[in-house]
Structures are given as C-alpha cells and as structure tokens.
Amino acid sequence: MSYNAGGLIRWPVYLCIPVGFSLLTLQVLSEAIKRLAYLTGRRDAPLSSEADLPPFVFRGASTGESS
C-alpha cells in the first residue's frame, strides 16, 4: 500500500523494473546469437533482404523511389 491515503498500490510499478530488464536481456541474447551466426557463416547478413527491413525504412530511397 502507498503511504498516501487513497494512493495507488506499488507492486505493479516495482514489477515493471525486473520485467523490463529481463526483456532487454532476452533481446541482447537474441542479437548476440544472430551476429554470431552471421560471423560463423550460418546466416546471411542481418537486414540483408527487404523482408527484414523495419517498416519505416524507405525501400529504393537511393534511386529516388519511395514507398
């Protein structure tokens, strides 16, 4: 319980901190595995095809085309 009368409960906020760091750690491991696979030749370069590009990247921007 909050020390303020009628305040919010604190455990949801405190839970977000370890959950956030856990998700960040999983993303770091995912990126490390992907980069290691590229370096050992088991995977093509990251972002090597247009299917891997994020939606905000303009395809063909160097040729003057835009999507």
PDB file of N, CA and C in Angstrom:
ATOM      1  N   MET A   1       0.840  -1.187   0.000  1.00  0.00           N
ATOM      2  CA  MET A   1       0.000   0.000   0.000  1.00  0.00           C
ATOM      3  C   MET A   1       0.881   1.245   0.000  1.00  0.00           C
ATOM      4  N   SER A   2       0.332   2.279  -0.559  1.00  0.00           N
ATOM      5  CA  SER A   2       1.009   3.557  -0.576  1.00  0.00           C
ATOM      6  C   SER A   2       0.927   4.196   0.800  1.00  0.00           C
ATOM      7  N   TYR A   3       1.897   5.039   1.093  1.00  0.00           N
ATOM      8  CA  TYR A   3       1.859   5.769   2.351  1.00  0.00           C
ATOM      9  C   TYR A   3       0.835   6.899   2.290  1.00  0.00           C
ATOM     10  N   ASN A   4       0.427   7.285   1.082  1.00  0.00           N
ATOM     11  CA  ASN A   4      -0.598   8.318   0.918  1.00  0.00           C
ATOM     12  C   ASN A   4      -1.972   7.697   1.109  1.00  0.00           C
ATOM     13  N   ALA A   5      -2.846   8.429   1.754  1.00  0.00           N
ATOM     14  CA  ALA A   5      -4.211   7.940   1.940  1.00  0.00           C
ATOM     15  C   ALA A   5      -4.898   7.852   0.583  1.00  0.00           C
ATOM     16  N   GLY A   6      -5.416   6.687   0.256  1.00  0.00           N
ATOM     17  CA  GLY A   6      -6.094   6.501  -1.013  1.00  0.00           C
ATOM     18  C   GLY A   6      -5.144   6.414  -2.200  1.00  0.00           C
ATOM     19  N   GLY A   7      -3.852   6.168  -1.942  1.00  0.00           N
ATOM     20  CA  GLY A   7      -2.858   6.115  -3.005  1.00  0.00           C
ATOM     21  C   GLY A   7      -2.884   4.801  -3.759  1.00  0.00           C
ATOM     22  N   LEU A   8      -2.073   4.729  -4.777  1.00  0.00           N
ATOM     23  CA  LEU A   8      -2.003   3.530  -5.601  1.00  0.00           C
ATOM     24  C   LEU A   8      -1.148   2.458  -4.952  1.00  0.00           C
ATOM     25  N   ILE A   9      -1.404   1.211  -5.318  1.00  0.00           N
ATOM     26  CA  ILE A   9      -0.549   0.130  -4.844  1.00  0.00           C
ATOM     27  C   ILE A   9       0.767   0.188  -5.622  1.00  0.00           C
ATOM     28  N   ARG A  10       1.851  -0.235  -5.028  1.00  0.00           N
ATOM     29  CA  ARG A  10       3.175  -0.054  -5.616  1.00  0.00           C
ATOM     30  C   ARG A  10       3.700  -1.268  -6.374  1.00  0.00           C
ATOM     31  N   TRP A  11       3.188  -2.463  -6.092  1.00  0.00           N
ATOM     32  CA  TRP A  11       3.810  -3.653  -6.675  1.00  0.00           C
ATOM     33  C   TRP A  11       3.765  -3.687  -8.191  1.00  0.00           C
ATOM     34  N   PRO A  12       2.748  -3.163  -8.886  1.00  0.00           N
ATOM     35  CA  PRO A  12       2.817  -3.200 -10.351  1.00  0.00           C
ATOM     36  C   PRO A  12       3.984  -2.375 -10.911  1.00  0.00           C
ATOM     37  N   VAL A  13       4.269  -1.251 -10.271  1.00  0.00           N
ATOM     38  CA  VAL A  13       5.378  -0.415 -10.718  1.00  0.00           C
ATOM     39  C   VAL A  13       6.702  -1.119 -10.438  1.00  0.00           C
ATOM     40  N   TYR A  14       6.821  -1.702  -9.279  1.00  0.00           N
ATOM     41  CA  TYR A  14       8.057  -2.404  -8.933  1.00  0.00           C
ATOM     42  C   TYR A  14       8.259  -3.640  -9.803  1.00  0.00           C
ATOM     43  N   LEU A  15       7.190  -4.254 -10.253  1.00  0.00           N
ATOM     44  CA  LEU A  15       7.287  -5.429 -11.117  1.00  0.00           C
ATOM     45  C   LEU A  15       7.786  -5.058 -12.512  1.00  0.00           C
ATOM     46  N   CYS A  16       7.478  -3.859 -12.959  1.00  0.00           N
ATOM     47  CA  CYS A  16       7.893  -3.433 -14.304  1.00  0.00           C
ATOM     48  C   CYS A  16       9.409  -3.344 -14.448  1.00  0.00           C
ATOM     49  N   ILE A  17      10.117  -3.036 -13.396  1.00  0.00           N
ATOM     50  CA  ILE A  17      11.573  -2.886 -13.483  1.00  0.00           C
ATOM     51  C   ILE A  17      12.251  -4.217 -13.802  1.00  0.00           C
ATOM     52  N   PRO A  18      12.048  -5.307 -13.043  1.00  0.00           N
ATOM     53  CA  PRO A  18      12.709  -6.559 -13.414  1.00  0.00           C
ATOM     54  C   PRO A  18      12.174  -7.147 -14.723  1.00  0.00           C
ATOM     55  N   VAL A  19      10.894  -6.942 -15.025  1.00  0.00           N
ATOM     56  CA  VAL A  19      10.345  -7.439 -16.286  1.00  0.00           C
ATOM     57  C   VAL A  19      11.017  -6.725 -17.455  1.00  0.00           C
ATOM     58  N   GLY A  20      11.193  -5.417 -17.349  1.00  0.00           N
ATOM     59  CA  GLY A  20      11.851  -4.647 -18.396  1.00  0.00           C
ATOM     60  C   GLY A  20      13.292  -5.087 -18.605  1.00  0.00           C
ATOM     61  N   PHE A  21      14.035  -5.270 -17.527  1.00  0.00           N
ATOM     62  CA  PHE A  21      15.417  -5.721 -17.658  1.00  0.00           C
ATOM     63  C   PHE A  21      15.502  -7.150 -18.193  1.00  0.00           C
ATOM     64  N   SER A  22      14.541  -7.983 -17.849  1.00  0.00           N
ATOM     65  CA  SER A  22      14.515  -9.344 -18.381  1.00  0.00           C
ATOM     66  C   SER A  22      14.282  -9.334 -19.889  1.00  0.00           C
ATOM     67  N   LEU A  23      13.351  -8.516 -20.353  1.00  0.00           N
ATOM     68  CA  LEU A  23      13.098  -8.418 -21.787  1.00  0.00           C
ATOM     69  C   LEU A  23      14.299  -7.838 -22.525  1.00  0.00           C
ATOM     70  N   LEU A  24      14.962  -6.863 -21.924  1.00  0.00           N
ATOM     71  CA  LEU A  24      16.166  -6.292 -22.522  1.00  0.00           C
ATOM     72  C   LEU A  24      17.269  -7.331 -22.622  1.00  0.00           C
ATOM     73  N   THR A  25      17.424  -8.163 -21.605  1.00  0.00           N
ATOM     74  CA  THR A  25      18.428  -9.226 -21.622  1.00  0.00           C
ATOM     75  C   THR A  25      18.121 -10.249 -22.711  1.00  0.00           C
ATOM     76  N   LEU A  26      16.858 -10.602 -22.875  1.00  0.00           N
ATOM     77  CA  LEU A  26      16.491 -11.528 -23.944  1.00  0.00           C
ATOM     78  C   LEU A  26      16.801 -10.943 -25.316  1.00  0.00           C
ATOM     79  N   GLN A  27      16.573  -9.649 -25.510  1.00  0.00           N
ATOM     80  CA  GLN A  27      16.873  -9.013 -26.791  1.00  0.00           C
ATOM     81  C   GLN A  27      18.373  -8.994 -27.053  1.00  0.00           C
ATOM     82  N   VAL A  28      19.164  -8.726 -26.023  1.00  0.00           N
ATOM     83  CA  VAL A  28      20.621  -8.734 -26.172  1.00  0.00           C
ATOM     84  C   VAL A  28      21.097 -10.128 -26.568  1.00  0.00           C
ATOM     85  N   LEU A  29      20.568 -11.171 -25.922  1.00  0.00           N
ATOM     86  CA  LEU A  29      20.951 -12.542 -26.269  1.00  0.00           C
ATOM     87  C   LEU A  29      20.541 -12.880 -27.702  1.00  0.00           C
ATOM     88  N   SER A  30      19.367 -12.444 -28.111  1.00  0.00           N
ATOM     89  CA  SER A  30      18.898 -12.691 -29.462  1.00  0.00           C
ATOM     90  C   SER A  30      19.816 -12.035 -30.490  1.00  0.00           C
ATOM     91  N   GLU A  31      20.179 -10.788 -30.256  1.00  0.00           N
ATOM     92  CA  GLU A  31      21.063 -10.084 -31.187  1.00  0.00           C
ATOM     93  C   GLU A  31      22.453 -10.716 -31.205  1.00  0.00           C
ATOM     94  N   ALA A  32      22.956 -11.126 -30.050  1.00  0.00           N
ATOM     95  CA  ALA A  32      24.275 -11.752 -29.996  1.00  0.00           C
ATOM     96  C   ALA A  32      24.291 -13.069 -30.766  1.00  0.00           C
ATOM     97  N   ILE A  33      23.246 -13.874 -30.615  1.00  0.00           N
ATOM     98  CA  ILE A  33      23.159 -15.141 -31.344  1.00  0.00           C
ATOM     99  C   ILE A  33      23.078 -14.883 -32.843  1.00  0.00           C
ATOM    100  N   LYS A  34      22.289 -13.895 -33.245  1.00  0.00           N
ATOM    101  CA  LYS A  34      22.147 -13.566 -34.662  1.00  0.00           C
ATOM    102  C   LYS A  34      23.490 -13.108 -35.246  1.00  0.00           C
ATOM    103  N   ARG A  35      24.204 -12.254 -34.531  1.00  0.00           N
ATOM    104  CA  ARG A  35      25.501 -11.762 -35.020  1.00  0.00           C
ATOM    105  C   ARG A  35      26.538 -12.881 -35.058  1.00  0.00           C
ATOM    106  N   LEU A  36      26.515 -13.750 -34.067  1.00  0.00           N
ATOM    107  CA  LEU A  36      27.448 -14.874 -34.043  1.00  0.00           C
ATOM    108  C   LEU A  36      27.184 -15.829 -35.207  1.00  0.00           C
ATOM    109  N   ALA A  37      25.913 -16.064 -35.510  1.00  0.00           N
ATOM    110  CA  ALA A  37      25.565 -16.915 -36.646  1.00  0.00           C
ATOM    111  C   ALA A  37      26.051 -16.296 -37.947  1.00  0.00           C
ATOM    112  N   TYR A  38      25.977 -14.978 -38.065  1.00  0.00           N
ATOM    113  CA  TYR A  38      26.482 -14.309 -39.265  1.00  0.00           C
ATOM    114  C   TYR A  38      27.997 -14.447 -39.361  1.00  0.00           C
ATOM    115  N   LEU A  39      28.683 -14.256 -38.252  1.00  0.00           N
ATOM    116  CA  LEU A  39      30.145 -14.328 -38.268  1.00  0.00           C
ATOM    117  C   LEU A  39      30.657 -15.731 -38.568  1.00  0.00           C
ATOM    118  N   THR A  40      29.909 -16.746 -38.178  1.00  0.00           N
ATOM    119  CA  THR A  40      30.331 -18.120 -38.451  1.00  0.00           C
ATOM    120  C   THR A  40      29.835 -18.617 -39.804  1.00  0.00           C
ATOM    121  N   GLY A  41      29.072 -17.782 -40.536  1.00  0.00           N
ATOM    122  CA  GLY A  41      28.623 -18.147 -41.866  1.00  0.00           C
ATOM    123  C   GLY A  41      27.368 -18.990 -41.900  1.00  0.00           C
ATOM    124  N   ARG A  42      26.654 -19.084 -40.826  1.00  0.00           N
ATOM    125  CA  ARG A  42      25.435 -19.902 -40.787  1.00  0.00           C
ATOM    126  C   ARG A  42      24.180 -19.114 -41.142  1.00  0.00           C
ATOM    127  N   ARG A  43      24.329 -17.809 -41.323  1.00  0.00           N
ATOM    128  CA  ARG A  43      23.171 -16.967 -41.636  1.00  0.00           C
ATOM    129  C   ARG A  43      23.634 -15.837 -42.536  1.00  0.00           C
ATOM    130  N   ASP A  44      22.712 -15.364 -43.397  1.00  0.00           N
ATOM    131  CA  ASP A  44      23.024 -14.203 -44.216  1.00  0.00           C
ATOM    132  C   ASP A  44      23.164 -12.982 -43.318  1.00  0.00           C
ATOM    133  N   ALA A  45      23.663 -11.924 -43.908  1.00  0.00           N
ATOM    134  CA  ALA A  45      23.856 -10.694 -43.150  1.00  0.00           C
ATOM    135  C   ALA A  45      22.530 -10.204 -42.572  1.00  0.00           C
ATOM    136  N   PRO A  46      22.554  -9.690 -41.357  1.00  0.00           N
ATOM    137  CA  PRO A  46      21.335  -9.118 -40.803  1.00  0.00           C
ATOM    138  C   PRO A  46      20.856  -7.971 -41.694  1.00  0.00           C
ATOM    139  N   LEU A  47      19.563  -7.872 -41.894  1.00  0.00           N
ATOM    140  CA  LEU A  47      18.946  -6.877 -42.762  1.00  0.00           C
ATOM    141  C   LEU A  47      19.425  -7.015 -44.203  1.00  0.00           C
ATOM    142  N   SER A  48      19.649  -8.255 -44.652  1.00  0.00           N
ATOM    143  CA  SER A  48      20.156  -8.464 -45.996  1.00  0.00           C
ATOM    144  C   SER A  48      19.059  -8.445 -47.044  1.00  0.00           C
ATOM    145  N   SER A  49      17.823  -8.642 -46.647  1.00  0.00           N
ATOM    146  CA  SER A  49      16.734  -8.619 -47.620  1.00  0.00           C
ATOM    147  C   SER A  49      15.711  -7.574 -47.214  1.00  0.00           C
ATOM    148  N   GLU A  50      14.874  -7.178 -48.173  1.00  0.00           N
ATOM    149  CA  GLU A  50      13.868  -6.169 -47.874  1.00  0.00           C
ATOM    150  C   GLU A  50      12.839  -6.668 -46.868  1.00  0.00           C
ATOM    151  N   ALA A  51      12.655  -7.968 -46.771  1.00  0.00           N
ATOM    152  CA  ALA A  51      11.688  -8.511 -45.822  1.00  0.00           C
ATOM    153  C   ALA A  51      12.139  -8.260 -44.378  1.00  0.00           C
ATOM    154  N   ASP A  52      13.454  -8.124 -44.156  1.00  0.00           N
ATOM    155  CA  ASP A  52      13.979  -7.901 -42.817  1.00  0.00           C
ATOM    156  C   ASP A  52      13.979  -6.435 -42.418  1.00  0.00           C
ATOM    157  N   LEU A  53      13.721  -5.520 -43.368  1.00  0.00           N
ATOM    158  CA  LEU A  53      13.790  -4.102 -43.058  1.00  0.00           C
ATOM    159  C   LEU A  53      12.607  -3.675 -42.208  1.00  0.00           C
ATOM    160  N   PRO A  54      12.848  -2.762 -41.267  1.00  0.00           N
ATOM    161  CA  PRO A  54      11.728  -2.233 -40.493  1.00  0.00           C
ATOM    162  C   PRO A  54      10.797  -1.446 -41.404  1.00  0.00           C
ATOM    163  N   PRO A  55       9.547  -1.270 -41.027  1.00  0.00           N
ATOM    164  CA  PRO A  55       8.579  -0.618 -41.914  1.00  0.00           C
ATOM    165  C   PRO A  55       8.880   0.846 -42.191  1.00  0.00           C
ATOM    166  N   PHE A  56       9.686   1.522 -41.365  1.00  0.00           N
ATOM    167  CA  PHE A  56       9.936   2.937 -41.574  1.00  0.00           C
ATOM    168  C   PHE A  56      11.095   3.206 -42.534  1.00  0.00           C
ATOM    169  N   VAL A  57      11.785   2.155 -43.009  1.00  0.00           N
ATOM    170  CA  VAL A  57      12.885   2.334 -43.949  1.00  0.00           C
ATOM    171  C   VAL A  57      12.304   2.435 -45.349  1.00  0.00           C
ATOM    172  N   PHE A  58      12.684   3.469 -46.073  1.00  0.00           N
ATOM    173  CA  PHE A  58      12.203   3.643 -47.438  1.00  0.00           C
ATOM    174  C   PHE A  58      12.995   2.754 -48.371  1.00  0.00           C
ATOM    175  N   ARG A  59      12.304   1.863 -49.037  1.00  0.00           N
ATOM    176  CA  ARG A  59      12.965   0.971 -49.967  1.00  0.00           C
ATOM    177  C   ARG A  59      13.233   1.716 -51.267  1.00  0.00           C
ATOM    178  N   GLY A  60      14.452   1.633 -51.774  1.00  0.00           N
ATOM    179  CA  GLY A  60      14.806   2.289 -53.013  1.00  0.00           C
ATOM    180  C   GLY A  60      15.005   3.787 -52.844  1.00  0.00           C
ATOM    181  N   ALA A  61      15.303   4.240 -51.645  1.00  0.00           N
ATOM    182  CA  ALA A  61      15.463   5.669 -51.404  1.00  0.00           C
ATOM    183  C   ALA A  61      16.685   6.224 -52.145  1.00  0.00           C
ATOM    184  N   SER A  62      17.710   5.396 -52.361  1.00  0.00           N
ATOM    185  CA  SER A  62      18.901   5.884 -53.040  1.00  0.00           C
ATOM    186  C   SER A  62      18.650   6.118 -54.523  1.00  0.00           C
ATOM    187  N   THR A  63      17.646   5.496 -55.109  1.00  0.00           N
ATOM    188  CA  THR A  63      17.347   5.677 -56.524  1.00  0.00           C
ATOM    189  C   THR A  63      16.246   6.704 -56.735  1.00  0.00           C
ATOM    190  N   GLY A  64      15.791   7.331 -55.677  1.00  0.00           N
ATOM    191  CA  GLY A  64      14.755   8.337 -55.807  1.00  0.00           C
ATOM    192  C   GLY A  64      13.355   7.786 -55.661  1.00  0.00           C
ATOM    193  N   GLU A  65      13.216   6.488 -55.510  1.00  0.00           N
ATOM    194  CA  GLU A  65      11.901   5.878 -55.324  1.00  0.00           C
ATOM    195  C   GLU A  65      11.524   5.952 -53.866  1.00  0.00           C
ATOM    196  N   SER A  66      10.264   5.936 -53.589  1.00  0.00           N
ATOM    197  CA  SER A  66       9.811   5.870 -52.189  1.00  0.00           C
ATOM    198  C   SER A  66       8.581   4.985 -52.127  1.00  0.00           C
ATOM    199  N   SER A  67       8.316   4.455 -50.946  1.00  0.00           N
ATOM    200  CA  SER A  67       7.156   3.582 -50.800  1.00  0.00           C
ATOM    201  C   SER A  67       6.040   4.264 -50.077  1.00  0.00           C
TER     202      SER A  67
END
